[in-house]
């Protein structure tokens, strides 16, 4: 008997004598719906699995008793993932795989559910957001699952492996799936038939363009005949496939250069191209001799020396162009295939491209130029070194002459002006006793002579050295303080010294600084009317001299020029020092010198 599902009418049986008989439909309540997608008959049990849009109906063909399995069933035994059932299949282990719009339900031979994979739940299984259209089993026990948008999956003990358009199928909309006696999997899609050769790890695409009677195959319309043939419904009619006679074509395509241009000017086709330094661009067109499926051919290239990753050309584009290549050698590799899966095994065509550098970057030019530049630098270094040595010798000679001249000036000051000042002082001592008025005048002369002698000594001391340490200068100043201290018994004079870095001064800086310190000290002793005078000398990265008294102070705006402030400011300006004066009437004075 032949079981037939007739559109919108129900299930019929056709007897050998040609008699039709209605067995089940929605009117006699044996079917929930008259739309039947697939029939699957188990010869051993006599059960007929009827896939409808309102669930799966299991019909006992002997007793015509029917049981319905659908998603909304309140009885758990008859509950499945989805009610829109498209296909059912019983494998060699007597498991029945029921395909629906929201997943797969697997039953054992007693129709107890043992597995479920839902496709409307991203966490339930690897098969996500699609409709399952059919299942089959290969000779090794793998279950193959067809889907309406994700290609096919291979299932083995709960593990899934996917095949889709990105790795070789002609399309992802799969209408049916079947295996042959050679363990090959036939996948019917809306864009052609596909053959998955597991042993050789290849996928072949078959359509009307290379001899297949049809390219658009219909949902759940696959049947394996007992003679090994496969029958499949298509938009062009029933297609019979003889797997034992089918030999996969040699689909390995060779890729070639069909056109070449440098700087947009045509050049002969070759395996090697030489670009001069002023050649800015090269353009190559590639092709493969696939006259049947030319629009399906995929082209890839990579440019070793610039990038190593394969780049796929856009459809209908077979031209590769490069601009402003670096001055070096490159290896261009190209390949072509009718599917992405076959690209991995496609023969690779190699083209060598060399761009020559300009002459001034050529090693034969650069080498001698480096040597000449090296010798030129040596000559320049020698010339400037000799000139620097001559300048140093001249500077040393000048400094030596300056030092000798300073020595001579020091001797002259000491021998002449010093002698005259000492003589004046001696003469004054003899005249000192004449009368009171004369005595006062002589006393002033004597003091002036003493000041002259002291100033000469300090000048001579400074001129004797090229550099003077701050410690030596401080000691000189402390000696001065100790000499004048007895003249002011009512004033307590304290010197606080903290020198961490012994800074070096030029003679000019030394004499200016010493004169400034003397000027401030003298002003404080003569005019401040103080009882205490503190001198602080601190030296670290910079030198700070601070002289502070507790005298009567003054107002800076009203001070007269007699205090010598003008002289202090001029000396500070010449040495680059900072002069700070803090004073208020009745509050003492503090003068700070920083340099």
Protein backbone atom coordinates (compact mmCIF):
# COMPACT_ATOMS: atom_id res chain seq x y z
CA UNK A 1 0.00 0.00 0.00
CA UNK A 2 1.00 3.56 -0.66
CA UNK A 3 0.31 6.24 1.93
CA UNK A 4 -0.31 9.68 0.44
CA UNK A 5 -0.89 13.10 1.95
CA UNK A 6 -2.99 15.28 -0.34
CA UNK A 7 -2.92 19.02 0.16
CA UNK A 8 -5.84 20.37 2.20
CA UNK A 9 -7.64 16.99 2.08
CA UNK A 10 -5.84 14.70 4.51
CA UNK A 11 -4.26 11.23 4.57
CA UNK A 12 -5.17 8.60 1.97
CA UNK A 13 -4.15 5.03 1.32
CA UNK A 14 -3.71 3.78 -2.26
CA UNK A 15 -4.20 0.04 -2.72
CA UNK A 16 -2.35 -2.00 -5.35
CA UNK A 17 -5.42 -2.04 -7.54
CA UNK A 18 -5.45 1.78 -7.59
CA UNK A 19 -8.32 2.35 -5.20
CA UNK A 20 -8.08 5.53 -3.07
CA UNK A 21 -9.40 5.59 0.46
CA UNK A 22 -9.50 8.49 2.94
CA UNK A 23 -8.06 7.36 6.27
CA UNK A 24 -7.57 10.48 8.38
CA UNK A 25 -8.41 14.19 8.24
CA UNK A 26 -9.59 16.99 10.49
CA UNK A 27 -13.25 16.09 9.87
CA UNK A 28 -13.02 12.55 11.25
CA UNK A 29 -10.93 13.93 14.09
CA UNK A 30 -7.99 11.59 13.43
CA UNK A 31 -5.89 14.61 12.32
CA UNK A 32 -5.73 18.03 14.01
CA UNK A 33 -5.10 19.65 10.65
CA UNK A 34 -5.29 18.73 6.97
CA UNK A 35 -1.91 20.37 6.18
CA UNK A 36 0.59 17.48 6.17
CA UNK A 37 4.33 18.19 5.59
CA UNK A 38 5.87 14.73 5.85
CA UNK A 39 5.08 11.03 6.23
CA UNK A 40 7.43 8.51 7.83
CA UNK A 41 6.51 4.79 7.97
CA UNK A 42 8.14 2.26 10.34
CA UNK A 43 7.86 -1.12 8.68
CA UNK A 44 8.73 -3.08 11.83
CA UNK A 45 6.02 -1.55 14.00
CA UNK A 46 3.50 -0.59 11.32
CA UNK A 47 3.38 2.96 12.71
CA UNK A 48 2.99 6.01 10.49
CA UNK A 49 4.44 9.33 11.71
CA UNK A 50 2.39 12.22 10.26
CA UNK A 51 3.95 15.69 10.50
CA UNK A 52 1.36 18.49 10.44
CA UNK A 53 1.27 22.17 11.23
CA UNK A 54 -0.62 21.39 14.44
CA UNK A 55 1.63 18.67 15.81
CA UNK A 56 2.81 15.09 15.21
CA UNK A 57 0.24 12.31 14.79
CA UNK A 58 1.34 8.70 15.39
CA UNK A 59 -1.06 6.40 13.50
CA UNK A 60 -1.24 2.61 13.98
CA UNK A 61 -1.83 1.48 10.38
CA UNK A 62 -3.44 -1.79 11.55
CA UNK A 63 -5.92 -0.44 14.07
CA UNK A 64 -6.02 3.16 12.74
CA UNK A 65 -5.69 4.43 16.32
CA UNK A 66 -3.95 7.87 16.47
CA UNK A 67 -2.01 9.71 19.20
CA UNK A 68 -1.18 13.38 18.90
CA UNK A 69 2.00 15.11 20.15
CA UNK A 70 1.99 18.91 20.29
CA UNK A 71 3.44 21.80 22.28
CA UNK A 72 0.24 22.76 24.10
CA UNK A 73 -0.54 19.25 25.36
CA UNK A 74 -1.40 19.19 29.07
CA UNK A 75 -0.10 15.61 29.23
CA UNK A 76 3.67 15.65 29.56
CA UNK A 77 4.03 12.38 27.61
CA UNK A 78 2.58 14.03 24.49
CA UNK A 79 4.30 17.41 24.88
CA UNK A 80 6.97 18.42 22.30
CA UNK A 81 8.97 21.59 21.54
CA UNK A 82 6.76 22.98 18.81
CA UNK A 83 3.44 22.17 17.19
CA UNK A 84 4.59 23.08 13.65
CA UNK A 85 6.16 19.68 12.86
CA UNK A 86 8.05 19.44 9.56
CA UNK A 87 9.80 16.05 9.61
CA UNK A 88 10.35 12.83 11.56
CA UNK A 89 13.06 10.18 11.24
CA UNK A 90 13.88 6.90 13.03
CA UNK A 91 17.59 6.01 13.25
CA UNK A 92 19.27 2.59 13.55
CA UNK A 93 19.10 2.80 17.37
CA UNK A 94 15.29 3.08 17.06
CA UNK A 95 15.32 6.68 18.21
CA UNK A 96 12.82 8.90 16.48
CA UNK A 97 13.88 12.49 15.78
CA UNK A 98 10.97 14.94 15.47
CA UNK A 99 11.79 18.28 13.79
CA UNK A 100 9.63 21.34 14.48
CA UNK A 101 9.63 25.11 14.24
CA UNK A 102 11.14 25.48 17.74
CA UNK A 103 13.49 22.52 18.09
CA UNK A 104 14.05 18.76 18.06
CA UNK A 105 12.47 16.09 20.26
CA UNK A 106 13.98 12.59 20.41
CA UNK A 107 11.95 9.53 21.48
CA UNK A 108 12.98 5.95 22.16
CA UNK A 109 11.21 2.97 20.54
CA UNK A 110 8.49 3.10 23.24
CA UNK A 111 7.90 6.77 22.40
CA UNK A 112 9.33 8.04 25.68
CA UNK A 113 11.08 11.37 25.21
CA UNK A 114 14.85 11.07 25.90
CA UNK A 115 16.30 14.28 24.39
CA UNK A 116 15.16 17.78 23.57
CA UNK A 117 16.97 20.69 21.87
CA UNK A 118 15.05 23.95 21.73
CA UNK A 119 16.04 26.45 19.04
CA UNK A 120 14.07 29.40 20.48
CA UNK A 121 16.24 29.51 23.61
CA UNK A 122 19.85 30.69 23.15
CA UNK A 123 20.94 28.76 26.26
CA UNK A 124 19.24 25.46 25.44
CA UNK A 125 21.42 24.24 22.56
CA UNK A 126 23.98 25.30 19.92
CA UNK A 127 21.16 25.41 17.33
CA UNK A 128 19.76 28.92 17.76
CA UNK A 129 16.99 31.05 16.22
CA UNK A 130 15.99 28.77 13.35
CA UNK A 131 13.51 26.06 12.24
CA UNK A 132 14.61 22.43 11.98
CA UNK A 133 13.55 20.97 8.61
CA UNK A 134 14.83 17.40 8.80
CA UNK A 135 17.29 14.80 10.12
CA UNK A 136 19.19 11.76 8.86
CA UNK A 137 21.92 9.34 10.01
CA UNK A 138 25.21 8.44 8.31
CA UNK A 139 27.00 5.08 8.36
CA UNK A 140 29.11 6.08 11.38
CA UNK A 141 26.10 6.89 13.53
CA UNK A 142 26.29 10.70 13.25
CA UNK A 143 22.93 12.48 13.14
CA UNK A 144 22.69 15.26 10.56
CA UNK A 145 20.23 18.10 11.27
CA UNK A 146 18.92 20.45 8.56
CA UNK A 147 17.72 23.98 9.38
CA UNK A 148 15.90 26.74 7.55
CA UNK A 149 18.56 29.46 8.08
CA UNK A 150 21.70 28.00 9.71
CA UNK A 151 22.75 25.31 7.22
CA UNK A 152 23.24 21.83 8.72
CA UNK A 153 24.63 20.44 11.98
CA UNK A 154 26.38 17.12 12.64
CA UNK A 155 25.43 15.64 16.04
CA UNK A 156 27.45 12.99 17.88
CA UNK A 157 26.72 12.20 21.53
CA UNK A 158 25.62 15.74 22.32
CA UNK A 159 28.39 17.54 20.35
CA UNK A 160 27.48 19.75 17.38
CA UNK A 161 29.52 20.68 14.26
CA UNK A 162 28.08 23.23 11.80
CA UNK A 163 28.28 23.44 8.00
CA UNK A 164 26.93 26.56 6.27
CA UNK A 165 27.57 28.96 3.42
CA UNK A 166 30.77 30.31 5.02
CA UNK A 167 32.46 26.91 4.86
CA UNK A 168 31.15 25.57 1.57
CA UNK A 169 27.38 25.12 1.24
CA UNK A 170 25.66 26.88 -1.65
CA UNK A 171 23.09 28.31 0.78
CA UNK A 172 21.90 28.19 4.39
CA UNK A 173 18.18 27.50 3.62
CA UNK A 174 18.12 23.69 3.76
CA UNK A 175 14.92 21.93 2.57
CA UNK A 176 16.02 18.33 3.13
CA UNK A 177 18.94 16.06 4.02
CA UNK A 178 19.84 12.43 3.24
CA UNK A 179 22.87 10.07 3.34
CA UNK A 180 23.91 7.56 0.69
CA UNK A 181 25.61 4.16 0.83
CA UNK A 182 29.06 5.81 0.57
CA UNK A 183 28.63 7.78 3.82
CA UNK A 184 28.20 10.98 1.90
CA UNK A 185 25.59 13.54 2.94
CA UNK A 186 23.27 15.10 0.36
CA UNK A 187 21.95 18.53 1.34
CA UNK A 188 19.07 20.00 -0.69
CA UNK A 189 18.80 23.81 -0.53
CA UNK A 190 16.84 26.48 -2.38
CA UNK A 191 20.01 27.28 -4.37
CA UNK A 192 21.14 23.79 -5.36
CA UNK A 193 22.14 20.34 -4.18
CA UNK A 194 25.27 19.98 -2.03
CA UNK A 195 27.36 16.88 -1.42
CA UNK A 196 29.40 16.64 1.79
CA UNK A 197 32.20 14.12 1.25
CA UNK A 198 33.28 13.35 4.83
CA UNK A 199 36.14 11.02 3.88
CA UNK A 200 37.85 13.66 1.70
CA UNK A 201 36.66 16.66 3.73
CA UNK A 202 35.15 18.36 0.68
CA UNK A 203 31.86 20.02 -0.18
CA UNK A 204 30.61 19.97 -3.79
CA UNK A 205 27.93 22.35 -5.05
CA UNK A 206 25.64 20.95 -7.77
CA UNK A 207 23.09 23.00 -9.69
CA UNK A 208 21.53 23.33 -13.11
CA UNK A 209 24.68 25.05 -14.32
CA UNK A 210 26.72 21.88 -13.99
CA UNK A 211 24.15 19.22 -14.91
CA UNK A 212 21.74 18.91 -11.94
CA UNK A 213 18.12 18.88 -13.29
CA UNK A 214 17.04 21.50 -10.71
CA UNK A 215 18.48 24.05 -8.28
CA UNK A 216 15.44 24.77 -6.06
CA UNK A 217 14.47 21.79 -3.85
CA UNK A 218 11.28 21.51 -1.80
CA UNK A 219 10.75 21.12 1.93
CA UNK A 220 11.01 17.59 3.43
CA UNK A 221 10.85 15.89 0.02
CA UNK A 222 13.75 13.42 0.30
CA UNK A 223 13.30 9.64 0.02
CA UNK A 224 15.86 6.81 -0.12
CA UNK A 225 14.87 4.03 -2.50
CA UNK A 226 15.82 0.44 -1.62
CA UNK A 227 18.04 0.28 -4.73
CA UNK A 228 20.21 3.09 -3.32
CA UNK A 229 18.78 5.92 -5.38
CA UNK A 230 17.72 9.17 -3.75
CA UNK A 231 14.47 10.84 -4.77
CA UNK A 232 13.96 14.55 -4.15
CA UNK A 233 11.16 16.90 -5.04
CA UNK A 234 12.09 20.12 -6.77
CA UNK A 235 10.49 23.08 -8.52
CA UNK A 236 11.35 21.29 -11.80
CA UNK A 237 9.79 17.94 -10.82
CA UNK A 238 11.06 14.76 -9.17
CA UNK A 239 14.85 14.36 -9.31
CA UNK A 240 16.43 10.91 -8.98
CA UNK A 241 20.07 10.79 -7.91
CA UNK A 242 22.22 7.68 -8.44
CA UNK A 243 25.00 8.05 -5.84
CA UNK A 244 26.80 4.93 -7.12
CA UNK A 245 27.24 6.56 -10.53
CA UNK A 246 28.12 10.03 -9.30
CA UNK A 247 31.77 11.04 -9.47
CA UNK A 248 32.59 14.48 -8.00
CA UNK A 249 34.17 16.75 -10.60
CA UNK A 250 37.67 18.08 -10.18
CA UNK A 251 36.82 21.50 -8.81
CA UNK A 252 40.36 22.70 -8.16
CA UNK A 253 40.73 25.88 -10.18
CA UNK A 254 43.97 27.43 -11.37
CA UNK A 255 44.31 31.20 -11.21
CA UNK A 256 46.16 33.29 -13.79
CA UNK A 257 47.12 36.88 -14.60
CA UNK A 258 45.08 38.08 -17.58
CA UNK A 259 46.04 41.77 -17.67
CA UNK A 260 48.81 43.94 -16.18
CA UNK A 261 49.55 47.68 -16.08
CA UNK A 262 52.27 49.83 -14.49
CA UNK A 263 51.41 53.51 -14.00
CA UNK A 264 48.17 52.70 -15.90
CA UNK A 265 50.20 51.71 -18.98
CA UNK A 266 49.73 48.11 -20.24
CA UNK A 267 52.72 45.79 -19.82
CA UNK A 268 53.25 42.16 -20.91
CA UNK A 269 51.89 39.39 -18.68
CA UNK A 270 54.69 37.77 -16.69
CA UNK A 271 55.54 36.04 -13.41
CA UNK A 272 57.91 38.83 -12.37
CA UNK A 273 57.48 42.62 -12.54
CA UNK A 274 60.24 45.17 -11.96
CA UNK A 275 59.17 48.69 -10.92
CA UNK A 276 61.57 51.61 -11.15
CA UNK A 277 61.78 54.16 -8.34
CA UNK A 278 59.42 56.57 -10.15
CA UNK A 279 56.80 53.87 -10.92
CA UNK A 280 53.95 54.70 -8.57
CA UNK A 281 51.39 51.93 -9.23
CA UNK A 282 50.87 48.42 -10.53
CA UNK A 283 47.53 46.83 -11.40
CA UNK A 284 46.85 43.14 -12.15
CA UNK A 285 43.67 41.41 -13.34
CA UNK A 286 43.20 37.74 -12.45
CA UNK A 287 40.88 35.03 -13.74
CA UNK A 288 40.22 31.30 -13.58
CA UNK A 289 39.01 29.07 -16.46
CA UNK A 290 35.63 28.12 -14.94
CA UNK A 291 33.24 28.66 -17.81
CA UNK A 292 30.16 27.05 -16.21
CA UNK A 293 30.12 28.67 -12.75
CA UNK A 294 32.15 31.81 -13.45
CA UNK A 295 29.92 34.03 -11.30
CA UNK A 296 30.41 31.69 -8.31
CA UNK A 297 34.21 31.71 -8.39
CA UNK A 298 35.84 33.30 -5.34
CA UNK A 299 39.24 34.99 -5.66
CA UNK A 300 41.77 35.62 -2.90
CA UNK A 301 45.21 37.19 -2.75
CA UNK A 302 47.91 38.00 -0.23
CA UNK A 303 51.01 40.15 -0.55
CA UNK A 304 53.90 38.53 1.30
CA UNK A 305 56.31 41.20 2.47
CA UNK A 306 53.47 43.65 3.08
CA UNK A 307 50.65 41.56 4.60
CA UNK A 308 50.31 37.79 5.03
CA UNK A 309 46.53 37.46 5.49
CA UNK A 310 44.39 36.28 2.58
CA UNK A 311 42.01 38.95 1.22
CA UNK A 312 38.85 37.99 -0.66
CA UNK A 313 37.95 40.10 -3.67
CA UNK A 314 34.45 41.49 -3.95
CA UNK A 315 32.06 39.66 -6.34
CA UNK A 316 32.57 40.62 -10.00
CA UNK A 317 35.91 42.22 -9.15
CA UNK A 318 39.07 40.54 -10.39
CA UNK A 319 41.56 43.45 -10.35
CA UNK A 320 44.28 43.98 -7.72
CA UNK A 321 46.04 47.36 -7.51
CA UNK A 322 48.92 48.67 -5.38
CA UNK A 323 50.21 52.25 -5.08
CA UNK A 324 53.46 53.65 -3.65
CA UNK A 325 54.98 50.31 -2.73
CA UNK A 326 58.08 50.35 -0.50
CA UNK A 327 61.45 49.85 -2.15
CA UNK A 328 61.79 46.08 -1.67
CA UNK A 329 60.82 42.66 -3.08
CA UNK A 330 57.31 41.20 -2.68
CA UNK A 331 55.59 37.91 -3.45
CA UNK A 332 51.97 38.15 -4.57
CA UNK A 333 49.97 34.93 -4.22
CA UNK A 334 46.56 34.38 -5.83
CA UNK A 335 44.06 31.51 -5.77
CA UNK A 336 40.48 30.76 -6.84
CA UNK A 337 37.72 28.25 -6.01
CA UNK A 338 33.98 27.80 -6.37
CA UNK A 339 33.47 27.77 -2.58
CA UNK A 340 35.28 29.01 0.50
CA UNK A 341 35.84 25.41 1.66
CA UNK A 342 37.73 24.60 -1.54
CA UNK A 343 39.94 27.69 -1.29
CA UNK A 344 42.14 25.99 1.31
CA UNK A 345 43.13 23.32 -1.25
CA UNK A 346 43.23 25.57 -4.31
CA UNK A 347 46.54 25.81 -6.21
CA UNK A 348 48.48 29.01 -5.49
CA UNK A 349 49.90 31.15 -8.27
CA UNK A 350 52.99 33.20 -7.31
CA UNK A 351 53.95 36.53 -8.88
CA UNK A 352 57.10 38.42 -7.85
CA UNK A 353 57.10 42.23 -7.73
CA UNK A 354 60.26 44.25 -7.10
CA UNK A 355 60.41 48.03 -6.73
CA UNK A 356 63.91 49.43 -7.15
CA UNK A 357 64.99 52.29 -4.89
CA UNK A 358 66.38 55.55 -6.33
CA UNK A 359 70.11 55.52 -7.01
CA UNK A 360 70.92 57.43 -3.83
CA UNK A 361 69.32 54.61 -1.79
CA UNK A 362 71.19 51.88 -3.65
CA UNK A 363 73.69 49.99 -1.45
CA UNK A 364 76.41 50.43 -4.09
CA UNK A 365 75.92 54.18 -3.76
CA UNK A 366 75.19 54.36 -0.05
CA UNK A 367 78.27 52.33 0.98
CA UNK A 368 80.92 54.61 -0.55
CA UNK A 369 78.97 57.69 0.55
CA UNK A 370 78.99 56.46 4.15
CA UNK A 371 82.75 55.93 3.93
CA UNK A 372 83.28 59.43 2.47
CA UNK A 373 80.99 60.94 5.08
CA UNK A 374 82.91 59.12 7.81
CA UNK A 375 86.26 60.48 6.62
CA UNK A 376 84.71 63.93 6.19
CA UNK A 377 83.47 63.85 9.75
CA UNK A 378 86.92 62.75 10.93
CA UNK A 379 88.51 65.72 9.13
CA UNK A 380 85.94 68.13 10.58
CA UNK A 381 86.36 66.73 14.08
CA UNK A 382 90.14 67.01 13.77
CA UNK A 383 89.88 70.58 12.46
CA UNK A 384 87.54 71.76 15.22
CA UNK A 385 89.56 69.91 17.86
CA UNK A 386 92.76 71.64 16.76
CA UNK A 387 91.00 75.01 16.69
CA UNK A 388 89.58 74.43 20.16
CA UNK A 389 93.02 73.48 21.49
CA UNK A 390 94.51 76.65 19.94
CA UNK A 391 91.73 78.73 21.50
CA UNK A 392 92.30 77.09 24.86
CA UNK A 393 96.03 77.75 24.64
CA UNK A 394 95.38 81.37 23.70
CA UNK A 395 92.87 81.73 26.51
CA UNK A 396 95.33 80.16 28.94
CA UNK A 397 98.04 82.59 27.82
CA UNK A 398 95.68 85.54 28.23
CA UNK A 399 94.64 84.36 31.67
CA UNK A 400 98.26 83.90 32.63
CA UNK A 401 99.08 87.45 31.49
CA UNK A 402 96.01 88.76 33.38
CA UNK A 403 97.13 86.92 36.49
CA UNK A 404 100.63 88.38 36.20
CA UNK A 405 99.18 91.85 35.71
CA UNK A 406 96.97 91.42 38.76
CA UNK A 407 99.99 90.37 40.78
CA UNK A 408 101.82 93.49 39.62
CA UNK A 409 98.83 95.73 40.53
CA UNK A 410 98.62 94.08 43.95
CA UNK A 411 102.33 94.72 44.55
CA UNK A 412 102.04 98.32 43.39
CA UNK A 413 99.03 98.94 45.65
CA UNK A 414 100.85 97.37 48.55
CA UNK A 415 104.22 99.02 47.92
CA UNK A 416 103.03 102.52 47.00
CA UNK A 417 99.48 103.38 48.15
CA UNK A 418 99.87 101.16 51.19
CA UNK A 419 103.14 102.81 52.14
CA UNK A 420 101.65 106.28 51.68
CA UNK A 421 98.61 105.39 53.80
CA UNK A 422 100.84 103.98 56.54
CA UNK A 423 103.01 107.13 56.44
CA UNK A 424 99.89 109.33 56.79
CA UNK A 425 98.84 107.32 59.80
CA UNK A 426 102.32 107.62 61.38
CA UNK A 427 102.45 111.40 60.83
CA UNK A 428 99.03 111.81 62.39
CA UNK A 429 100.15 109.94 65.50
CA UNK A 430 102.94 112.56 66.04
CA UNK A 431 100.54 115.51 65.69
CA UNK A 432 97.76 114.02 67.74
CA UNK A 433 98.46 115.91 71.02
CA UNK A 434 98.40 119.59 69.90
CA UNK A 435 94.91 120.77 70.96
CA UNK A 436 91.35 119.47 71.14
CA UNK A 437 90.14 120.74 67.78
CA UNK A 438 93.31 119.58 66.06
CA UNK A 439 93.02 116.29 67.93
CA UNK A 440 89.48 115.68 66.56
CA UNK A 441 90.56 116.46 63.03
CA UNK A 442 93.55 114.23 63.32
CA UNK A 443 91.40 111.47 64.76
CA UNK A 444 89.18 111.57 61.64
CA UNK A 445 92.27 111.54 59.44
CA UNK A 446 93.54 108.55 61.35
CA UNK A 447 90.24 106.69 60.94
CA UNK A 448 90.19 107.46 57.21
CA UNK A 449 93.76 106.22 56.90
CA UNK A 450 92.77 103.03 58.74
CA UNK A 451 89.84 102.56 56.37
CA UNK A 452 92.13 103.15 53.40
CA UNK A 453 94.61 100.58 54.67
CA UNK A 454 91.86 98.01 55.32
CA UNK A 455 90.27 98.59 51.89
CA UNK A 456 93.67 98.18 50.24
CA UNK A 457 94.26 94.95 52.10
CA UNK A 458 90.91 93.55 51.00
CA UNK A 459 91.43 94.62 47.40
CA UNK A 460 94.90 93.09 47.37
CA UNK A 461 93.51 89.88 48.91
CA UNK A 462 90.81 89.58 46.25
CA UNK A 463 93.19 90.25 43.37
CA UNK A 464 95.52 87.47 44.48
CA UNK A 465 93.05 84.71 43.49
CA UNK A 466 91.18 83.63 40.35
CA UNK A 467 88.38 82.14 42.46
CA UNK A 468 87.45 82.68 46.12
CA UNK A 469 85.37 80.24 48.16
CA UNK A 470 82.42 81.45 50.18
CA UNK A 471 84.08 79.97 53.26
CA UNK A 472 87.17 82.17 52.77
CA UNK A 473 84.94 85.22 52.23
CA UNK A 474 82.95 84.41 55.38
CA UNK A 475 86.14 84.03 57.39
CA UNK A 476 87.36 87.43 56.12
CA UNK A 477 84.10 89.04 57.16
CA UNK A 478 84.21 87.37 60.59
CA UNK A 479 87.74 88.75 61.13
CA UNK A 480 86.38 92.23 60.36
CA UNK A 481 83.56 91.72 62.89
CA UNK A 482 86.04 90.57 65.53
CA UNK A 483 88.24 93.68 64.92
CA UNK A 484 85.39 96.16 65.34
CA UNK A 485 83.52 94.32 68.12
CA UNK A 486 85.59 95.97 70.97
CA UNK A 487 84.60 99.43 69.64
CA UNK A 488 80.91 98.69 70.36
CA UNK A 489 80.77 97.11 73.82
CA UNK A 490 77.02 97.92 74.19
CA UNK A 491 76.02 95.93 71.08
CA UNK A 492 75.90 92.12 71.16
CA UNK A 493 77.12 90.90 67.75
CA UNK A 494 76.40 87.23 66.84
CA UNK A 495 77.52 85.45 63.66
CA UNK A 496 75.66 82.21 62.66
CA UNK A 497 77.29 80.28 59.86
CA UNK A 498 75.86 77.20 58.01
CA UNK A 499 77.77 76.36 54.81
CA UNK A 500 76.73 73.01 53.22
CA UNK A 501 78.14 73.69 49.74
CA UNK A 502 81.34 75.71 49.45
CA UNK A 503 80.32 77.90 46.54
CA UNK A 504 83.06 79.49 44.37
CA UNK A 505 83.01 83.22 43.50
CA UNK A 506 84.86 85.36 40.99
CA UNK A 507 87.04 88.22 42.35
CA UNK A 508 84.42 90.77 41.20
CA UNK A 509 81.61 88.90 42.94
CA UNK A 510 83.71 88.52 46.09
CA UNK A 511 84.64 92.20 46.44
CA UNK A 512 81.06 93.36 45.76
CA UNK A 513 79.61 90.90 48.25
CA UNK A 514 82.20 91.78 50.92
CA UNK A 515 81.62 95.52 50.42
CA UNK A 516 77.83 95.03 50.69
CA UNK A 517 78.21 93.08 53.94
CA UNK A 518 80.56 95.76 55.34
CA UNK A 519 78.17 98.53 54.27
CA UNK A 520 75.18 96.91 56.01
CA UNK A 521 77.24 96.15 59.13
CA UNK A 522 78.60 99.71 59.34
CA UNK A 523 75.14 101.28 58.86
CA UNK A 524 73.69 99.08 61.59
CA UNK A 525 76.46 99.90 64.06
CA UNK A 526 76.46 103.65 63.38
CA UNK A 527 72.78 104.50 62.77
CA UNK A 528 70.49 101.72 64.09
CA UNK A 529 70.93 102.46 67.80
CA UNK A 530 70.53 98.74 68.41
CA UNK A 531 71.50 96.51 71.32
CA UNK A 532 71.70 93.27 69.31
CA UNK A 533 73.02 92.50 65.85
CA UNK A 534 72.66 89.03 64.25
CA UNK A 535 74.52 87.95 61.10
CA UNK A 536 73.42 84.70 59.37
CA UNK A 537 75.42 83.13 56.56
CA UNK A 538 73.68 80.11 54.90
CA UNK A 539 74.95 78.37 51.76
CA UNK A 540 73.39 75.35 50.00
CA UNK A 541 72.44 75.55 46.31
CA UNK A 542 72.47 79.33 46.75
CA UNK A 543 74.06 81.72 49.24
CA UNK A 544 71.97 83.79 51.68
CA UNK A 545 73.43 86.51 53.95
CA UNK A 546 71.07 88.08 56.43
CA UNK A 547 71.98 90.95 58.82
CA UNK A 548 69.30 91.83 61.39
CA UNK A 549 69.27 94.43 64.18
CA UNK A 550 66.76 95.36 66.87
CA UNK A 551 67.29 99.10 66.43
CA UNK A 552 65.03 102.00 65.69
CA UNK A 553 64.34 101.03 62.09
CA UNK A 554 63.18 103.43 59.36
CA UNK A 555 60.53 104.00 56.71
CA UNK A 556 61.80 102.93 53.32
CA UNK A 557 59.81 105.66 51.53
CA UNK A 558 61.44 108.43 53.61
CA UNK A 559 65.00 107.10 53.89
CA UNK A 560 67.72 109.47 52.75
CA UNK A 561 70.55 108.61 50.44
CA UNK A 562 72.98 108.87 53.35
CA UNK A 563 72.28 105.28 54.30
CA UNK A 564 74.06 104.01 51.22
CA UNK A 565 71.09 102.06 49.88
CA UNK A 566 71.77 103.31 46.38
CA UNK A 567 75.27 101.88 46.55
CA UNK A 568 73.93 98.55 47.86
CA UNK A 569 71.40 98.31 44.98
CA UNK A 570 74.08 99.07 42.37
CA UNK A 571 76.41 96.39 43.74
CA UNK A 572 73.55 93.86 43.87
CA UNK A 573 72.65 94.64 40.25
CA UNK A 574 76.25 94.19 39.07
CA UNK A 575 76.61 90.78 40.73
CA UNK A 576 73.12 89.54 39.82
CA UNK A 577 72.19 89.23 43.50
CA UNK A 578 68.79 89.82 45.09
CA UNK A 579 68.64 92.54 47.76
CA UNK A 580 65.67 92.54 50.15
CA UNK A 581 65.22 95.20 52.88
CA UNK A 582 62.64 94.76 55.68
CA UNK A 583 62.32 97.66 58.14
CA UNK A 584 59.72 99.58 60.04
CA UNK A 585 60.02 102.48 62.39
CA UNK A 586 60.72 101.25 65.93
CA UNK A 587 60.80 97.61 64.77
CA UNK A 588 64.38 97.04 63.67
CA UNK A 589 65.85 96.27 60.26
CA UNK A 590 66.59 93.04 58.36
CA UNK A 591 68.59 93.09 55.13
CA UNK A 592 68.83 89.89 53.04
CA UNK A 593 71.28 89.26 50.20
CA UNK A 594 70.63 86.17 47.99
CA UNK A 595 72.76 85.04 45.04
